[in-house]
Amino acid sequence: MSEFTSILLTPQRIVEFFKERKLPEPQYRIYADRTVFIRKEGSEGVDPGDLLPELHREFPRAILRFGNVPWIENLVKRLIERKEMVSTAESCTGGLIGALLTDIPGSSKVYWGGVITYSNEAKVHLLGVPERVLLESGAVSRETVTLMAQQAMGMGNTQWGIGVSGIAGPTGGTTEKPVGTVYIALSGSNGYLRVERIQFTGTRQEIRKKTALLSLLLLESCVCKEFDIDIERLNAYI
């Protein structure tokens, strides 16, 4: 039996990959944080595991991994080992990042908690984001999510803070910031800061879920140091 794990990609993207090569479609199971593709022993066709090198030429390694990888569970375990905690400030995701973390038993040891600051007023009153920043840069901006992540980290006195804000649609987009535009900030101890702008595709629900998953992937890349997240390449697939 051979399995591989897909993160962020829709199952259809992988199925299309097999169809284009006239290979039997693999079966798959959908989890909250990943899709696991499987080919049972004895079935006809090429083993999906044998195709991983070609898959990795098509898709980034960070989002396509060998085996059934419970990556958020692994992230939680690594944070426990490091005695580190994370706090969150969520806007467009509405608590999905916290939900993904708290799905994992034992996550109370690493997840301090978070705030859902959906409106500008909530960002001001709960996180202390200056109204000037919101007026000049907007709620969906590098400046705003940076402050959200840093303030969340400060509230919980945690080693990591995540801030997200975006336009999930189907309305609200502009020429400068179309639907699917999302900013994610990851702040850490010793002044670490990574802020990314991403252009997601999909429905409102898909954009929100992808935002939550990518936020934790960015944290994983810092904590576990097994995969780098190349946002420029990733934009072609998400």
C-alpha atoms as a PDB file:
ATOM      1  CA  MET A   1       0.000   0.000   0.000  1.00  0.00           C
ATOM      2  CA  SER A   2       1.380   3.420  -0.934  1.00  0.00           C
ATOM      3  CA  GLU A   3       0.136   6.806   0.239  1.00  0.00           C
ATOM      4  CA  PHE A   4       1.009  10.434  -0.171  1.00  0.00           C
ATOM      5  CA  THR A   5      -0.348  13.552   1.473  1.00  0.00           C
ATOM      6  CA  SER A   6      -1.599  16.661  -0.304  1.00  0.00           C
ATOM      7  CA  ILE A   7      -1.980  19.975   1.547  1.00  0.00           C
ATOM      8  CA  LEU A   8      -3.803  23.015   0.100  1.00  0.00           C
ATOM      9  CA  LEU A   9      -4.311  21.344  -3.284  1.00  0.00           C
ATOM     10  CA  THR A  10      -7.822  20.283  -4.202  1.00  0.00           C
ATOM     11  CA  PRO A  11      -8.191  16.525  -4.835  1.00  0.00           C
ATOM     12  CA  GLN A  12      -9.112  17.346  -8.428  1.00  0.00           C
ATOM     13  CA  ARG A  13      -5.641  18.777  -9.085  1.00  0.00           C
ATOM     14  CA  ILE A  14      -4.021  15.436  -8.237  1.00  0.00           C
ATOM     15  CA  VAL A  15      -6.658  13.409 -10.062  1.00  0.00           C
ATOM     16  CA  GLU A  16      -6.032  15.534 -13.171  1.00  0.00           C
ATOM     17  CA  PHE A  17      -2.311  14.795 -12.868  1.00  0.00           C
ATOM     18  CA  PHE A  18      -3.043  11.055 -13.120  1.00  0.00           C
ATOM     19  CA  LYS A  19      -5.589  11.487 -15.901  1.00  0.00           C
ATOM     20  CA  GLU A  20      -3.140  13.494 -18.015  1.00  0.00           C
ATOM     21  CA  ARG A  21      -0.734  10.559 -17.834  1.00  0.00           C
ATOM     22  CA  LYS A  22      -3.493   8.024 -18.558  1.00  0.00           C
ATOM     23  CA  LEU A  23      -2.945   6.389 -15.165  1.00  0.00           C
ATOM     24  CA  PRO A  24      -5.654   4.865 -12.959  1.00  0.00           C
ATOM     25  CA  GLU A  25      -7.044   7.426 -10.561  1.00  0.00           C
ATOM     26  CA  PRO A  26      -5.914   6.908  -6.950  1.00  0.00           C
ATOM     27  CA  GLN A  27      -8.419   6.719  -4.135  1.00  0.00           C
ATOM     28  CA  TYR A  28      -8.276   9.443  -1.505  1.00  0.00           C
ATOM     29  CA  ARG A  29      -9.484  10.375   1.968  1.00  0.00           C
ATOM     30  CA  ILE A  30     -10.132  13.972   2.999  1.00  0.00           C
ATOM     31  CA  TYR A  31      -9.097  15.155   6.479  1.00  0.00           C
ATOM     32  CA  ALA A  32      -9.474  18.619   8.000  1.00  0.00           C
ATOM     33  CA  ASP A  33      -5.862  19.524   7.207  1.00  0.00           C
ATOM     34  CA  ARG A  34      -4.947  17.290   4.261  1.00  0.00           C
ATOM     35  CA  THR A  35      -6.008  14.876   1.546  1.00  0.00           C
ATOM     36  CA  VAL A  36      -4.368  11.448   1.585  1.00  0.00           C
ATOM     37  CA  PHE A  37      -4.125   9.566  -1.713  1.00  0.00           C
ATOM     38  CA  ILE A  38      -3.803   5.808  -1.653  1.00  0.00           C
ATOM     39  CA  ARG A  39      -3.257   2.898  -4.041  1.00  0.00           C
ATOM     40  CA  LYS A  40      -3.883  -0.577  -2.706  1.00  0.00           C
ATOM     41  CA  GLU A  41      -1.409  -3.353  -3.372  1.00  0.00           C
ATOM     42  CA  GLY A  42      -2.330  -5.508  -6.341  1.00  0.00           C
ATOM     43  CA  SER A  43      -4.270  -2.833  -8.202  1.00  0.00           C
ATOM     44  CA  GLU A  44      -3.233  -2.035 -11.718  1.00  0.00           C
ATOM     45  CA  GLY A  45      -1.200   0.950 -12.716  1.00  0.00           C
ATOM     46  CA  VAL A  46       1.805   2.822 -11.416  1.00  0.00           C
ATOM     47  CA  ASP A  47       2.324   3.080  -7.678  1.00  0.00           C
ATOM     48  CA  PRO A  48       1.626   6.711  -6.654  1.00  0.00           C
ATOM     49  CA  GLY A  49       4.707   6.609  -4.440  1.00  0.00           C
ATOM     50  CA  ASP A  50       6.834   5.949  -7.517  1.00  0.00           C
ATOM     51  CA  LEU A  51       5.451   9.111  -9.066  1.00  0.00           C
ATOM     52  CA  LEU A  52       6.507  11.412  -6.246  1.00  0.00           C
ATOM     53  CA  PRO A  53       9.621  12.715  -8.050  1.00  0.00           C
ATOM     54  CA  GLU A  54       7.458  13.754 -10.984  1.00  0.00           C
ATOM     55  CA  LEU A  55       4.776  15.110  -8.661  1.00  0.00           C
ATOM     56  CA  HIS A  56       7.422  17.199  -6.934  1.00  0.00           C
ATOM     57  CA  ARG A  57       8.468  18.667 -10.263  1.00  0.00           C
ATOM     58  CA  GLU A  58       4.856  19.743 -10.657  1.00  0.00           C
ATOM     59  CA  PHE A  59       3.990  20.743  -7.082  1.00  0.00           C
ATOM     60  CA  PRO A  60       6.084  22.137  -4.171  1.00  0.00           C
ATOM     61  CA  ARG A  61       7.411  19.581  -1.680  1.00  0.00           C
ATOM     62  CA  ALA A  62       5.902  21.457   1.243  1.00  0.00           C
ATOM     63  CA  ILE A  63       2.382  20.655   0.048  1.00  0.00           C
ATOM     64  CA  LEU A  64       2.938  17.124  -1.305  1.00  0.00           C
ATOM     65  CA  ARG A  65       4.551  14.576   1.026  1.00  0.00           C
ATOM     66  CA  PHE A  66       5.150  10.833   1.088  1.00  0.00           C
ATOM     67  CA  GLY A  67       2.907   8.812   3.380  1.00  0.00           C
ATOM     68  CA  ASN A  68      -0.106   9.774   5.468  1.00  0.00           C
ATOM     69  CA  VAL A  69       1.325  12.798   7.259  1.00  0.00           C
ATOM     70  CA  PRO A  70      -0.673  14.276  10.186  1.00  0.00           C
ATOM     71  CA  TRP A  71       1.376  17.435   9.869  1.00  0.00           C
ATOM     72  CA  ILE A  72      -0.543  19.678  12.280  1.00  0.00           C
ATOM     73  CA  GLU A  73      -0.375  16.955  14.924  1.00  0.00           C
ATOM     74  CA  ASN A  74       3.370  16.721  14.281  1.00  0.00           C
ATOM     75  CA  LEU A  75       3.642  20.504  14.600  1.00  0.00           C
ATOM     76  CA  VAL A  76       1.857  20.434  17.956  1.00  0.00           C
ATOM     77  CA  LYS A  77       4.191  17.675  19.188  1.00  0.00           C
ATOM     78  CA  ARG A  78       7.252  19.664  18.117  1.00  0.00           C
ATOM     79  CA  LEU A  79       5.992  22.784  19.880  1.00  0.00           C
ATOM     80  CA  ILE A  80       5.425  20.737  23.035  1.00  0.00           C
ATOM     81  CA  GLU A  81       8.999  19.445  22.817  1.00  0.00           C
ATOM     82  CA  ARG A  82      10.285  22.995  22.438  1.00  0.00           C
ATOM     83  CA  LYS A  83       8.015  24.266  25.229  1.00  0.00           C
ATOM     84  CA  GLU A  84       6.695  26.955  22.899  1.00  0.00           C
ATOM     85  CA  MET A  85       3.198  28.398  22.491  1.00  0.00           C
ATOM     86  CA  VAL A  86       1.340  30.271  19.772  1.00  0.00           C
ATOM     87  CA  SER A  87      -1.472  32.800  19.888  1.00  0.00           C
ATOM     88  CA  THR A  88      -3.615  34.017  16.995  1.00  0.00           C
ATOM     89  CA  ALA A  89      -5.479  37.060  15.728  1.00  0.00           C
ATOM     90  CA  GLU A  90      -7.900  36.098  12.966  1.00  0.00           C
ATOM     91  CA  SER A  91     -10.069  38.180  10.693  1.00  0.00           C
ATOM     92  CA  CYS A  92     -11.218  36.456   7.479  1.00  0.00           C
ATOM     93  CA  THR A  93     -10.644  32.959   8.895  1.00  0.00           C
ATOM     94  CA  GLY A  94     -13.032  33.572  11.784  1.00  0.00           C
ATOM     95  CA  GLY A  95     -11.336  31.126  14.163  1.00  0.00           C
ATOM     96  CA  LEU A  96     -10.387  28.364  11.702  1.00  0.00           C
ATOM     97  CA  ILE A  97      -6.711  28.461  12.707  1.00  0.00           C
ATOM     98  CA  GLY A  98      -7.649  27.946  16.332  1.00  0.00           C
ATOM     99  CA  ALA A  99     -10.049  25.168  15.336  1.00  0.00           C
ATOM    100  CA  LEU A 100      -7.330  23.293  13.422  1.00  0.00           C
ATOM    101  CA  LEU A 101      -5.013  23.489  16.413  1.00  0.00           C
ATOM    102  CA  THR A 102      -7.609  22.537  19.013  1.00  0.00           C
ATOM    103  CA  ASP A 103      -8.634  19.502  16.953  1.00  0.00           C
ATOM    104  CA  ILE A 104      -5.368  17.971  18.203  1.00  0.00           C
ATOM    105  CA  PRO A 105      -5.384  16.368  21.678  1.00  0.00           C
ATOM    106  CA  GLY A 106      -2.853  18.081  23.924  1.00  0.00           C
ATOM    107  CA  SER A 107      -2.926  21.334  21.979  1.00  0.00           C
ATOM    108  CA  SER A 108      -3.708  23.246  25.179  1.00  0.00           C
ATOM    109  CA  LYS A 109       0.011  22.931  25.922  1.00  0.00           C
ATOM    110  CA  VAL A 110       0.894  24.958  22.842  1.00  0.00           C
ATOM    111  CA  TYR A 111      -2.141  27.065  21.904  1.00  0.00           C
ATOM    112  CA  TRP A 112      -2.667  29.971  24.258  1.00  0.00           C
ATOM    113  CA  GLY A 113      -5.768  31.144  22.444  1.00  0.00           C
ATOM    114  CA  GLY A 114      -6.748  33.887  20.090  1.00  0.00           C
ATOM    115  CA  VAL A 115      -9.073  36.707  19.154  1.00  0.00           C
ATOM    116  CA  ILE A 116     -11.399  37.005  16.168  1.00  0.00           C
ATOM    117  CA  THR A 117     -11.196  40.640  15.113  1.00  0.00           C
ATOM    118  CA  TYR A 118     -13.453  40.661  12.081  1.00  0.00           C
ATOM    119  CA  SER A 119     -14.422  44.326  12.083  1.00  0.00           C
ATOM    120  CA  ASN A 120     -12.087  47.306  12.103  1.00  0.00           C
ATOM    121  CA  GLU A 121     -13.549  48.296  15.468  1.00  0.00           C
ATOM    122  CA  ALA A 122     -12.538  44.928  16.919  1.00  0.00           C
ATOM    123  CA  LYS A 123      -9.011  45.331  15.563  1.00  0.00           C
ATOM    124  CA  VAL A 124      -8.793  48.715  17.277  1.00  0.00           C
ATOM    125  CA  HIS A 125     -10.418  47.885  20.592  1.00  0.00           C
ATOM    126  CA  LEU A 126      -9.222  44.313  21.127  1.00  0.00           C
ATOM    127  CA  LEU A 127      -5.765  44.451  19.537  1.00  0.00           C
ATOM    128  CA  GLY A 128      -4.900  48.111  19.668  1.00  0.00           C
ATOM    129  CA  VAL A 129      -4.379  48.484  15.929  1.00  0.00           C
ATOM    130  CA  PRO A 130      -4.259  52.273  15.396  1.00  0.00           C
ATOM    131  CA  GLU A 131      -7.150  53.675  13.370  1.00  0.00           C
ATOM    132  CA  ARG A 132      -4.552  55.558  11.331  1.00  0.00           C
ATOM    133  CA  VAL A 133      -3.086  52.262  10.079  1.00  0.00           C
ATOM    134  CA  LEU A 134      -6.503  50.978   9.064  1.00  0.00           C
ATOM    135  CA  LEU A 135      -7.350  54.220   7.272  1.00  0.00           C
ATOM    136  CA  GLU A 136      -4.020  54.539   5.463  1.00  0.00           C
ATOM    137  CA  SER A 137      -3.209  50.898   4.687  1.00  0.00           C
ATOM    138  CA  GLY A 138      -6.532  49.107   5.080  1.00  0.00           C
ATOM    139  CA  ALA A 139      -7.596  46.100   7.121  1.00  0.00           C
ATOM    140  CA  VAL A 140      -6.133  43.788   4.478  1.00  0.00           C
ATOM    141  CA  SER A 141      -2.528  44.954   4.495  1.00  0.00           C
ATOM    142  CA  ARG A 142       0.978  44.108   5.556  1.00  0.00           C
ATOM    143  CA  GLU A 143       0.893  46.780   8.246  1.00  0.00           C
ATOM    144  CA  THR A 144      -2.341  45.576   9.817  1.00  0.00           C
ATOM    145  CA  VAL A 145      -1.538  41.849   9.983  1.00  0.00           C
ATOM    146  CA  THR A 146       1.915  42.620  11.372  1.00  0.00           C
ATOM    147  CA  LEU A 147       0.358  44.462  14.286  1.00  0.00           C
ATOM    148  CA  MET A 148      -2.272  41.734  14.696  1.00  0.00           C
ATOM    149  CA  ALA A 149       0.367  38.999  14.980  1.00  0.00           C
ATOM    150  CA  GLN A 150       2.572  41.008  17.324  1.00  0.00           C
ATOM    151  CA  GLN A 151      -0.305  42.037  19.553  1.00  0.00           C
ATOM    152  CA  ALA A 152      -1.621  38.464  19.718  1.00  0.00           C
ATOM    153  CA  MET A 153       1.841  37.262  20.755  1.00  0.00           C
ATOM    154  CA  GLY A 154       2.033  39.987  23.374  1.00  0.00           C
ATOM    155  CA  MET A 155      -1.419  39.219  24.795  1.00  0.00           C
ATOM    156  CA  GLY A 156      -0.498  35.611  25.437  1.00  0.00           C
ATOM    157  CA  ASN A 157       3.188  36.213  26.140  1.00  0.00           C
ATOM    158  CA  THR A 158       3.814  33.414  23.639  1.00  0.00           C
ATOM    159  CA  GLN A 159       6.801  32.595  21.458  1.00  0.00           C
ATOM    160  CA  TRP A 160       4.737  32.802  18.253  1.00  0.00           C
ATOM    161  CA  GLY A 161       1.912  34.977  16.973  1.00  0.00           C
ATOM    162  CA  ILE A 162      -0.169  34.646  13.806  1.00  0.00           C
ATOM    163  CA  GLY A 163      -2.236  37.423  12.246  1.00  0.00           C
ATOM    164  CA  VAL A 164      -4.437  37.042   9.159  1.00  0.00           C
ATOM    165  CA  SER A 165      -6.725  39.351   7.210  1.00  0.00           C
ATOM    166  CA  GLY A 166      -8.122  38.944   3.726  1.00  0.00           C
ATOM    167  CA  ILE A 167     -10.965  39.250   1.240  1.00  0.00           C
ATOM    168  CA  ALA A 168     -12.740  35.903   1.062  1.00  0.00           C
ATOM    169  CA  GLY A 169     -15.480  37.120  -1.262  1.00  0.00           C
ATOM    170  CA  PRO A 170     -17.599  36.761  -3.192  1.00  0.00           C
ATOM    171  CA  THR A 171     -17.791  40.567  -2.862  1.00  0.00           C
ATOM    172  CA  GLY A 172     -15.491  43.184  -1.369  1.00  0.00           C
ATOM    173  CA  GLY A 173     -12.628  42.949  -3.825  1.00  0.00           C
ATOM    174  CA  THR A 174     -11.047  45.894  -5.628  1.00  0.00           C
ATOM    175  CA  THR A 175      -8.663  46.269  -8.547  1.00  0.00           C
ATOM    176  CA  GLU A 176      -5.763  46.627  -6.129  1.00  0.00           C
ATOM    177  CA  LYS A 177      -6.977  43.909  -3.779  1.00  0.00           C
ATOM    178  CA  PRO A 178      -9.223  41.430  -5.631  1.00  0.00           C
ATOM    179  CA  VAL A 179     -11.197  38.675  -3.950  1.00  0.00           C
ATOM    180  CA  GLY A 180      -8.763  36.067  -2.638  1.00  0.00           C
ATOM    181  CA  THR A 181      -6.166  38.587  -1.490  1.00  0.00           C
ATOM    182  CA  VAL A 182      -4.864  37.554   1.921  1.00  0.00           C
ATOM    183  CA  TYR A 183      -2.084  38.795   4.180  1.00  0.00           C
ATOM    184  CA  ILE A 184      -0.541  36.470   6.761  1.00  0.00           C
ATOM    185  CA  ALA A 185       1.944  37.562   9.404  1.00  0.00           C
ATOM    186  CA  LEU A 186       3.997  35.242  11.597  1.00  0.00           C
ATOM    187  CA  SER A 187       5.861  36.876  14.461  1.00  0.00           C
ATOM    188  CA  GLY A 188       8.288  35.145  16.778  1.00  0.00           C
ATOM    189  CA  SER A 189      10.706  35.635  19.605  1.00  0.00           C
ATOM    190  CA  ASN A 190      13.847  37.672  19.070  1.00  0.00           C
ATOM    191  CA  GLY A 191      12.120  39.941  16.578  1.00  0.00           C
ATOM    192  CA  TYR A 192      11.316  37.320  13.942  1.00  0.00           C
ATOM    193  CA  LEU A 193       8.712  38.487  11.444  1.00  0.00           C
ATOM    194  CA  ARG A 194       7.474  37.038   8.164  1.00  0.00           C
ATOM    195  CA  VAL A 195       4.640  38.660   6.265  1.00  0.00           C
ATOM    196  CA  GLU A 196       3.233  37.263   3.034  1.00  0.00           C
ATOM    197  CA  ARG A 197       0.620  38.408   0.548  1.00  0.00           C
ATOM    198  CA  ILE A 198      -1.140  35.534  -1.218  1.00  0.00           C
ATOM    199  CA  GLN A 199      -3.722  35.463  -3.988  1.00  0.00           C
ATOM    200  CA  PHE A 200      -6.006  32.501  -3.350  1.00  0.00           C
ATOM    201  CA  THR A 201      -8.577  31.090  -5.751  1.00  0.00           C
ATOM    202  CA  GLY A 202     -11.788  29.257  -4.934  1.00  0.00           C
ATOM    203  CA  THR A 203     -15.012  29.782  -3.063  1.00  0.00           C
ATOM    204  CA  ARG A 204     -15.320  31.811   0.111  1.00  0.00           C
ATOM    205  CA  GLN A 205     -15.070  28.645   2.187  1.00  0.00           C
ATOM    206  CA  GLU A 206     -12.032  27.406   0.235  1.00  0.00           C
ATOM    207  CA  ILE A 207     -10.199  30.723   0.573  1.00  0.00           C
ATOM    208  CA  ARG A 208     -10.770  30.796   4.327  1.00  0.00           C
ATOM    209  CA  LYS A 209      -9.612  27.196   4.756  1.00  0.00           C
ATOM    210  CA  LYS A 210      -6.527  27.706   2.593  1.00  0.00           C
ATOM    211  CA  THR A 211      -5.622  30.794   4.614  1.00  0.00           C
ATOM    212  CA  ALA A 212      -5.810  28.871   7.878  1.00  0.00           C
ATOM    213  CA  LEU A 213      -3.748  25.974   6.509  1.00  0.00           C
ATOM    214  CA  LEU A 214      -1.064  28.197   5.000  1.00  0.00           C
ATOM    215  CA  SER A 215      -0.774  30.127   8.270  1.00  0.00           C
ATOM    216  CA  LEU A 216       0.115  26.911  10.077  1.00  0.00           C
ATOM    217  CA  LEU A 217       2.395  25.794   7.232  1.00  0.00           C
ATOM    218  CA  LEU A 218       4.391  28.996   7.707  1.00  0.00           C
ATOM    219  CA  LEU A 219       4.643  28.248  11.431  1.00  0.00           C
ATOM    220  CA  GLU A 220       5.657  24.660  10.666  1.00  0.00           C
ATOM    221  CA  SER A 221       8.426  25.858   8.343  1.00  0.00           C
ATOM    222  CA  CYS A 222       9.969  27.788  11.237  1.00  0.00           C
ATOM    223  CA  VAL A 223       9.409  25.254  14.006  1.00  0.00           C
ATOM    224  CA  CYS A 224      10.124  21.990  12.191  1.00  0.00           C
ATOM    225  CA  LYS A 225      12.489  23.352   9.505  1.00  0.00           C
ATOM    226  CA  GLU A 226      11.752  20.473   7.127  1.00  0.00           C
ATOM    227  CA  PHE A 227      10.176  22.488   4.319  1.00  0.00           C
ATOM    228  CA  ASP A 228      10.530  26.032   3.079  1.00  0.00           C
ATOM    229  CA  ILE A 229       7.400  27.793   1.859  1.00  0.00           C
ATOM    230  CA  ASP A 230       8.027  29.459  -1.492  1.00  0.00           C
ATOM    231  CA  ILE A 231       5.040  31.784  -1.745  1.00  0.00           C
ATOM    232  CA  GLU A 232       5.822  32.869  -5.297  1.00  0.00           C
ATOM    233  CA  ARG A 233       5.735  29.276  -6.538  1.00  0.00           C
ATOM    234  CA  LEU A 234       2.833  28.378  -4.281  1.00  0.00           C
ATOM    235  CA  ASN A 235       0.690  31.124  -5.825  1.00  0.00           C
ATOM    236  CA  ALA A 236       0.499  29.085  -9.023  1.00  0.00           C
ATOM    237  CA  TYR A 237      -1.386  26.301  -7.253  1.00  0.00           C
ATOM    238  CA  ILE A 238      -3.588  27.900  -4.595  1.00  0.00           C
END
